Amino acid sequence: MNLKREKYEEPKAKKEFLIINPLKGELKMKRREALVTLSCMALIGPNLFSKERRSKPMKKEIKSANAPKAIGPYSQAIAANGFIFASGQIAIDPKSGELSTGSIEEQTRLVLSNLKAVLEDAGSSLDKAVKCTVFLQDLNDYGEMNAVYGEFFKAPYPARAAVQVARLPKDVKVEIEAIAVI
């Protein structure tokens, strides 16, 4: 049997160029580059080229008097491009500054109250949360934490991850962070 092997060659693609004329100038680029550029522009925002947009800072620190102060070199939350990125909250009473050493339910309730305060002071709310991350000292506490969590959120619920960690700040039982839209 005589099998002849032929060398496979990729079909030659046409080089397609897109001409964009945003400010009476021409910009020639391949179709793929144009799609990547347009996607990036959509993520950055529609007012990318406006003078007003350029003068605003890309991110803004959020400080809430109704939640515990940050216990390190970080912000309670950051507002950026229509989102609020809230740092993890732990069970510290914002009025007294005292750490709660109560049950997982008590700590979860206080954590979510603190998170709610930060989001509301940023112009958002728990209802606008799109992603939460729950850090548990013991994953066996998941059921109790989840019951309290369900009291604070309603459908459609934010996406969520819950993980057990080796240790949490001040040896609390739970820490929760969130991302929300403004």
C-alpha atoms as a PDB file:
ATOM      1  CA  MET A   1       0.000   0.000   0.000  1.00  0.00           C
ATOM      2  CA  ASN A   2       1.479   3.288  -1.036  1.00  0.00           C
ATOM      3  CA  LEU A   3       0.262   6.182   1.117  1.00  0.00           C
ATOM      4  CA  LYS A   4       1.374   9.526   0.004  1.00  0.00           C
ATOM      5  CA  ARG A   5       1.514  12.226   2.628  1.00  0.00           C
ATOM      6  CA  GLU A   6       0.797  15.722   1.547  1.00  0.00           C
ATOM      7  CA  LYS A   7       1.844  18.749   3.470  1.00  0.00           C
ATOM      8  CA  TYR A   8      -1.131  20.549   4.941  1.00  0.00           C
ATOM      9  CA  GLU A   9      -1.211  24.272   4.422  1.00  0.00           C
ATOM     10  CA  GLU A  10      -3.467  26.675   6.237  1.00  0.00           C
ATOM     11  CA  PRO A  11      -5.786  28.575   3.926  1.00  0.00           C
ATOM     12  CA  LYS A  12      -4.577  32.113   3.566  1.00  0.00           C
ATOM     13  CA  ALA A  13      -6.953  34.503   5.248  1.00  0.00           C
ATOM     14  CA  LYS A  14      -7.798  37.802   3.746  1.00  0.00           C
ATOM     15  CA  LYS A  15      -6.393  40.716   5.614  1.00  0.00           C
ATOM     16  CA  GLU A  16      -9.430  42.714   6.526  1.00  0.00           C
ATOM     17  CA  PHE A  17      -8.968  46.254   7.682  1.00  0.00           C
ATOM     18  CA  LEU A  18     -11.446  48.452   9.423  1.00  0.00           C
ATOM     19  CA  ILE A  19     -11.136  52.178   8.950  1.00  0.00           C
ATOM     20  CA  ILE A  20     -12.279  54.235  11.891  1.00  0.00           C
ATOM     21  CA  ASN A  21     -12.574  57.983  11.589  1.00  0.00           C
ATOM     22  CA  PRO A  22     -13.365  59.214  15.120  1.00  0.00           C
ATOM     23  CA  LEU A  23     -11.799  62.656  14.964  1.00  0.00           C
ATOM     24  CA  LYS A  24     -11.420  63.273  11.221  1.00  0.00           C
ATOM     25  CA  GLY A  25      -8.356  61.065  11.121  1.00  0.00           C
ATOM     26  CA  GLU A  26      -8.036  57.584   9.824  1.00  0.00           C
ATOM     27  CA  LEU A  27      -7.052  54.583  11.825  1.00  0.00           C
ATOM     28  CA  LYS A  28      -6.532  51.375   9.927  1.00  0.00           C
ATOM     29  CA  MET A  29      -6.514  48.129  11.853  1.00  0.00           C
ATOM     30  CA  LYS A  30      -7.270  44.485  11.354  1.00  0.00           C
ATOM     31  CA  ARG A  31     -10.755  43.275  12.211  1.00  0.00           C
ATOM     32  CA  ARG A  32      -9.536  41.381  15.279  1.00  0.00           C
ATOM     33  CA  GLU A  33      -7.698  44.421  16.638  1.00  0.00           C
ATOM     34  CA  ALA A  34     -10.784  46.543  16.073  1.00  0.00           C
ATOM     35  CA  LEU A  35     -12.975  44.094  18.006  1.00  0.00           C
ATOM     36  CA  VAL A  36     -10.550  44.017  20.936  1.00  0.00           C
ATOM     37  CA  THR A  37     -10.374  47.810  20.950  1.00  0.00           C
ATOM     38  CA  LEU A  38     -14.148  48.189  20.868  1.00  0.00           C
ATOM     39  CA  SER A  39     -14.543  45.626  23.657  1.00  0.00           C
ATOM     40  CA  CYS A  40     -12.059  47.502  25.827  1.00  0.00           C
ATOM     41  CA  MET A  41     -13.834  50.795  25.122  1.00  0.00           C
ATOM     42  CA  ALA A  42     -17.141  49.233  26.191  1.00  0.00           C
ATOM     43  CA  LEU A  43     -15.583  48.118  29.492  1.00  0.00           C
ATOM     44  CA  ILE A  44     -13.975  51.487  30.185  1.00  0.00           C
ATOM     45  CA  GLY A  45     -17.146  53.404  29.445  1.00  0.00           C
ATOM     46  CA  PRO A  46     -18.891  55.393  26.753  1.00  0.00           C
ATOM     47  CA  ASN A  47     -17.469  58.724  27.875  1.00  0.00           C
ATOM     48  CA  LEU A  48     -13.848  57.730  27.431  1.00  0.00           C
ATOM     49  CA  PHE A  49     -13.033  60.688  25.190  1.00  0.00           C
ATOM     50  CA  SER A  50     -15.006  63.356  27.067  1.00  0.00           C
ATOM     51  CA  LYS A  51     -13.093  65.971  29.035  1.00  0.00           C
ATOM     52  CA  GLU A  52     -15.407  65.544  32.028  1.00  0.00           C
ATOM     53  CA  ARG A  53     -14.733  61.807  32.229  1.00  0.00           C
ATOM     54  CA  ARG A  54     -10.965  62.268  32.054  1.00  0.00           C
ATOM     55  CA  SER A  55     -10.990  64.740  34.949  1.00  0.00           C
ATOM     56  CA  LYS A  56     -12.768  62.295  37.296  1.00  0.00           C
ATOM     57  CA  PRO A  57     -10.591  59.844  39.194  1.00  0.00           C
ATOM     58  CA  MET A  58     -10.834  56.222  38.055  1.00  0.00           C
ATOM     59  CA  LYS A  59     -11.400  55.069  41.619  1.00  0.00           C
ATOM     60  CA  LYS A  60     -12.817  56.660  44.738  1.00  0.00           C
ATOM     61  CA  GLU A  61     -12.335  55.589  48.338  1.00  0.00           C
ATOM     62  CA  ILE A  62     -15.484  54.890  50.337  1.00  0.00           C
ATOM     63  CA  LYS A  63     -15.415  55.576  54.078  1.00  0.00           C
ATOM     64  CA  SER A  64     -18.413  54.691  56.202  1.00  0.00           C
ATOM     65  CA  ALA A  65     -18.890  55.972  59.729  1.00  0.00           C
ATOM     66  CA  ASN A  66     -21.545  53.255  60.160  1.00  0.00           C
ATOM     67  CA  ALA A  67     -19.087  50.382  59.802  1.00  0.00           C
ATOM     68  CA  PRO A  68     -15.837  49.486  61.572  1.00  0.00           C
ATOM     69  CA  LYS A  69     -12.765  51.404  60.452  1.00  0.00           C
ATOM     70  CA  ALA A  70     -10.224  49.499  58.397  1.00  0.00           C
ATOM     71  CA  ILE A  71      -7.728  47.716  60.660  1.00  0.00           C
ATOM     72  CA  GLY A  72      -4.872  47.943  58.180  1.00  0.00           C
ATOM     73  CA  PRO A  73      -3.648  49.736  55.051  1.00  0.00           C
ATOM     74  CA  TYR A  74      -6.789  49.175  52.965  1.00  0.00           C
ATOM     75  CA  SER A  75     -10.092  50.907  52.219  1.00  0.00           C
ATOM     76  CA  GLN A  76     -13.520  49.885  53.468  1.00  0.00           C
ATOM     77  CA  ALA A  77     -14.560  49.991  49.810  1.00  0.00           C
ATOM     78  CA  ILE A  78     -13.552  51.420  46.443  1.00  0.00           C
ATOM     79  CA  ALA A  79     -15.946  52.780  43.818  1.00  0.00           C
ATOM     80  CA  ALA A  80     -14.713  52.274  40.242  1.00  0.00           C
ATOM     81  CA  ASN A  81     -16.491  52.225  36.857  1.00  0.00           C
ATOM     82  CA  GLY A  82     -19.974  51.796  38.297  1.00  0.00           C
ATOM     83  CA  PHE A  83     -18.994  49.102  40.799  1.00  0.00           C
ATOM     84  CA  ILE A  84     -18.366  49.056  44.541  1.00  0.00           C
ATOM     85  CA  PHE A  85     -15.614  46.708  45.706  1.00  0.00           C
ATOM     86  CA  ALA A  86     -16.211  46.250  49.443  1.00  0.00           C
ATOM     87  CA  SER A  87     -13.419  44.846  51.604  1.00  0.00           C
ATOM     88  CA  GLY A  88     -14.132  41.887  53.820  1.00  0.00           C
ATOM     89  CA  GLN A  89     -16.076  42.780  56.929  1.00  0.00           C
ATOM     90  CA  ILE A  90     -15.678  41.000  60.247  1.00  0.00           C
ATOM     91  CA  ALA A  91     -17.763  40.954  63.415  1.00  0.00           C
ATOM     92  CA  ILE A  92     -16.762  44.268  64.986  1.00  0.00           C
ATOM     93  CA  ASP A  93     -19.455  46.508  66.434  1.00  0.00           C
ATOM     94  CA  PRO A  94     -19.045  49.852  64.630  1.00  0.00           C
ATOM     95  CA  LYS A  95     -20.295  51.914  67.594  1.00  0.00           C
ATOM     96  CA  SER A  96     -18.194  50.394  70.367  1.00  0.00           C
ATOM     97  CA  GLY A  97     -15.325  48.960  68.331  1.00  0.00           C
ATOM     98  CA  GLU A  98     -15.741  45.722  70.290  1.00  0.00           C
ATOM     99  CA  LEU A  99     -15.137  42.373  68.637  1.00  0.00           C
ATOM    100  CA  SER A 100     -18.083  39.981  68.740  1.00  0.00           C
ATOM    101  CA  THR A 101     -17.108  36.542  69.991  1.00  0.00           C
ATOM    102  CA  GLY A 102     -20.650  35.203  69.813  1.00  0.00           C
ATOM    103  CA  SER A 103     -22.089  32.360  67.738  1.00  0.00           C
ATOM    104  CA  ILE A 104     -21.633  32.053  63.983  1.00  0.00           C
ATOM    105  CA  GLU A 105     -25.174  33.414  63.537  1.00  0.00           C
ATOM    106  CA  GLU A 106     -24.446  36.507  65.653  1.00  0.00           C
ATOM    107  CA  GLN A 107     -21.153  37.130  63.884  1.00  0.00           C
ATOM    108  CA  THR A 108     -22.702  36.658  60.411  1.00  0.00           C
ATOM    109  CA  ARG A 109     -25.521  39.067  61.255  1.00  0.00           C
ATOM    110  CA  LEU A 110     -23.050  41.735  62.426  1.00  0.00           C
ATOM    111  CA  VAL A 111     -20.772  41.172  59.413  1.00  0.00           C
ATOM    112  CA  LEU A 112     -23.656  41.583  56.967  1.00  0.00           C
ATOM    113  CA  SER A 113     -24.909  44.669  58.830  1.00  0.00           C
ATOM    114  CA  ASN A 114     -21.431  46.197  58.481  1.00  0.00           C
ATOM    115  CA  LEU A 115     -21.284  45.259  54.798  1.00  0.00           C
ATOM    116  CA  LYS A 116     -24.739  46.744  54.252  1.00  0.00           C
ATOM    117  CA  ALA A 117     -23.624  50.029  55.870  1.00  0.00           C
ATOM    118  CA  VAL A 118     -20.540  50.267  53.655  1.00  0.00           C
ATOM    119  CA  LEU A 119     -22.525  49.578  50.469  1.00  0.00           C
ATOM    120  CA  GLU A 120     -25.282  52.043  51.399  1.00  0.00           C
ATOM    121  CA  ASP A 121     -22.768  54.804  52.189  1.00  0.00           C
ATOM    122  CA  ALA A 122     -21.276  54.129  48.747  1.00  0.00           C
ATOM    123  CA  GLY A 123     -24.662  54.625  47.054  1.00  0.00           C
ATOM    124  CA  SER A 124     -25.421  50.933  46.588  1.00  0.00           C
ATOM    125  CA  SER A 125     -27.086  48.190  48.643  1.00  0.00           C
ATOM    126  CA  LEU A 126     -27.072  44.474  49.346  1.00  0.00           C
ATOM    127  CA  ASP A 127     -29.801  44.139  46.693  1.00  0.00           C
ATOM    128  CA  LYS A 128     -27.296  45.404  44.112  1.00  0.00           C
ATOM    129  CA  ALA A 129     -24.555  42.963  45.138  1.00  0.00           C
ATOM    130  CA  VAL A 130     -23.382  40.838  42.204  1.00  0.00           C
ATOM    131  CA  LYS A 131     -20.670  38.746  43.911  1.00  0.00           C
ATOM    132  CA  CYS A 132     -19.893  37.820  47.509  1.00  0.00           C
ATOM    133  CA  THR A 133     -17.076  35.790  48.969  1.00  0.00           C
ATOM    134  CA  VAL A 134     -17.564  34.168  52.372  1.00  0.00           C
ATOM    135  CA  PHE A 135     -14.522  33.112  54.391  1.00  0.00           C
ATOM    136  CA  LEU A 136     -15.287  30.669  57.197  1.00  0.00           C
ATOM    137  CA  GLN A 137     -12.993  29.526  59.978  1.00  0.00           C
ATOM    138  CA  ASP A 138     -14.866  26.198  59.981  1.00  0.00           C
ATOM    139  CA  LEU A 139     -16.865  24.999  56.973  1.00  0.00           C
ATOM    140  CA  ASN A 140     -19.087  23.050  59.396  1.00  0.00           C
ATOM    141  CA  ASP A 141     -20.611  26.485  60.219  1.00  0.00           C
ATOM    142  CA  TYR A 142     -21.816  26.844  56.605  1.00  0.00           C
ATOM    143  CA  GLY A 143     -25.471  25.920  57.312  1.00  0.00           C
ATOM    144  CA  GLU A 144     -25.882  28.411  60.145  1.00  0.00           C
ATOM    145  CA  MET A 145     -24.084  31.151  58.218  1.00  0.00           C
ATOM    146  CA  ASN A 146     -26.194  30.435  55.130  1.00  0.00           C
ATOM    147  CA  ALA A 147     -29.462  30.751  57.088  1.00  0.00           C
ATOM    148  CA  VAL A 148     -28.520  34.261  58.284  1.00  0.00           C
ATOM    149  CA  TYR A 149     -27.119  35.165  54.834  1.00  0.00           C
ATOM    150  CA  GLY A 150     -30.542  34.316  53.356  1.00  0.00           C
ATOM    151  CA  GLU A 151     -32.184  36.884  55.669  1.00  0.00           C
ATOM    152  CA  PHE A 152     -30.122  39.710  54.122  1.00  0.00           C
ATOM    153  CA  PHE A 153     -30.326  38.851  50.412  1.00  0.00           C
ATOM    154  CA  LYS A 154     -33.277  38.245  48.129  1.00  0.00           C
ATOM    155  CA  ALA A 155     -33.579  36.798  44.623  1.00  0.00           C
ATOM    156  CA  PRO A 156     -31.834  37.181  42.320  1.00  0.00           C
ATOM    157  CA  TYR A 157     -29.057  36.312  44.756  1.00  0.00           C
ATOM    158  CA  PRO A 158     -25.494  37.446  44.085  1.00  0.00           C
ATOM    159  CA  ALA A 159     -22.964  34.920  42.826  1.00  0.00           C
ATOM    160  CA  ARG A 160     -21.040  33.562  45.790  1.00  0.00           C
ATOM    161  CA  ALA A 161     -18.092  31.490  46.890  1.00  0.00           C
ATOM    162  CA  ALA A 162     -17.719  30.126  50.422  1.00  0.00           C
ATOM    163  CA  VAL A 163     -14.377  28.760  51.550  1.00  0.00           C
ATOM    164  CA  GLN A 164     -12.741  27.560  54.735  1.00  0.00           C
ATOM    165  CA  VAL A 165      -9.527  29.352  55.606  1.00  0.00           C
ATOM    166  CA  ALA A 166      -6.748  28.568  58.043  1.00  0.00           C
ATOM    167  CA  ARG A 167      -7.246  31.754  60.045  1.00  0.00           C
ATOM    168  CA  LEU A 168      -9.178  35.031  59.911  1.00  0.00           C
ATOM    169  CA  PRO A 169      -8.294  38.476  61.315  1.00  0.00           C
ATOM    170  CA  LYS A 170      -8.780  38.669  65.093  1.00  0.00           C
ATOM    171  CA  ASP A 171      -9.732  34.949  64.989  1.00  0.00           C
ATOM    172  CA  VAL A 172     -13.349  35.653  64.005  1.00  0.00           C
ATOM    173  CA  LYS A 173     -15.540  32.875  62.622  1.00  0.00           C
ATOM    174  CA  VAL A 174     -16.619  34.599  59.376  1.00  0.00           C
ATOM    175  CA  GLU A 175     -15.581  37.363  56.984  1.00  0.00           C
ATOM    176  CA  ILE A 176     -17.588  38.467  53.933  1.00  0.00           C
ATOM    177  CA  GLU A 177     -16.596  40.730  51.031  1.00  0.00           C
ATOM    178  CA  ALA A 178     -18.787  41.925  48.161  1.00  0.00           C
ATOM    179  CA  ILE A 179     -18.865  43.522  44.739  1.00  0.00           C
ATOM    180  CA  ALA A 180     -21.974  45.561  43.932  1.00  0.00           C
ATOM    181  CA  VAL A 181     -23.204  47.877  41.203  1.00  0.00           C
ATOM    182  CA  ILE A 182     -23.939  51.496  42.022  1.00  0.00           C
END
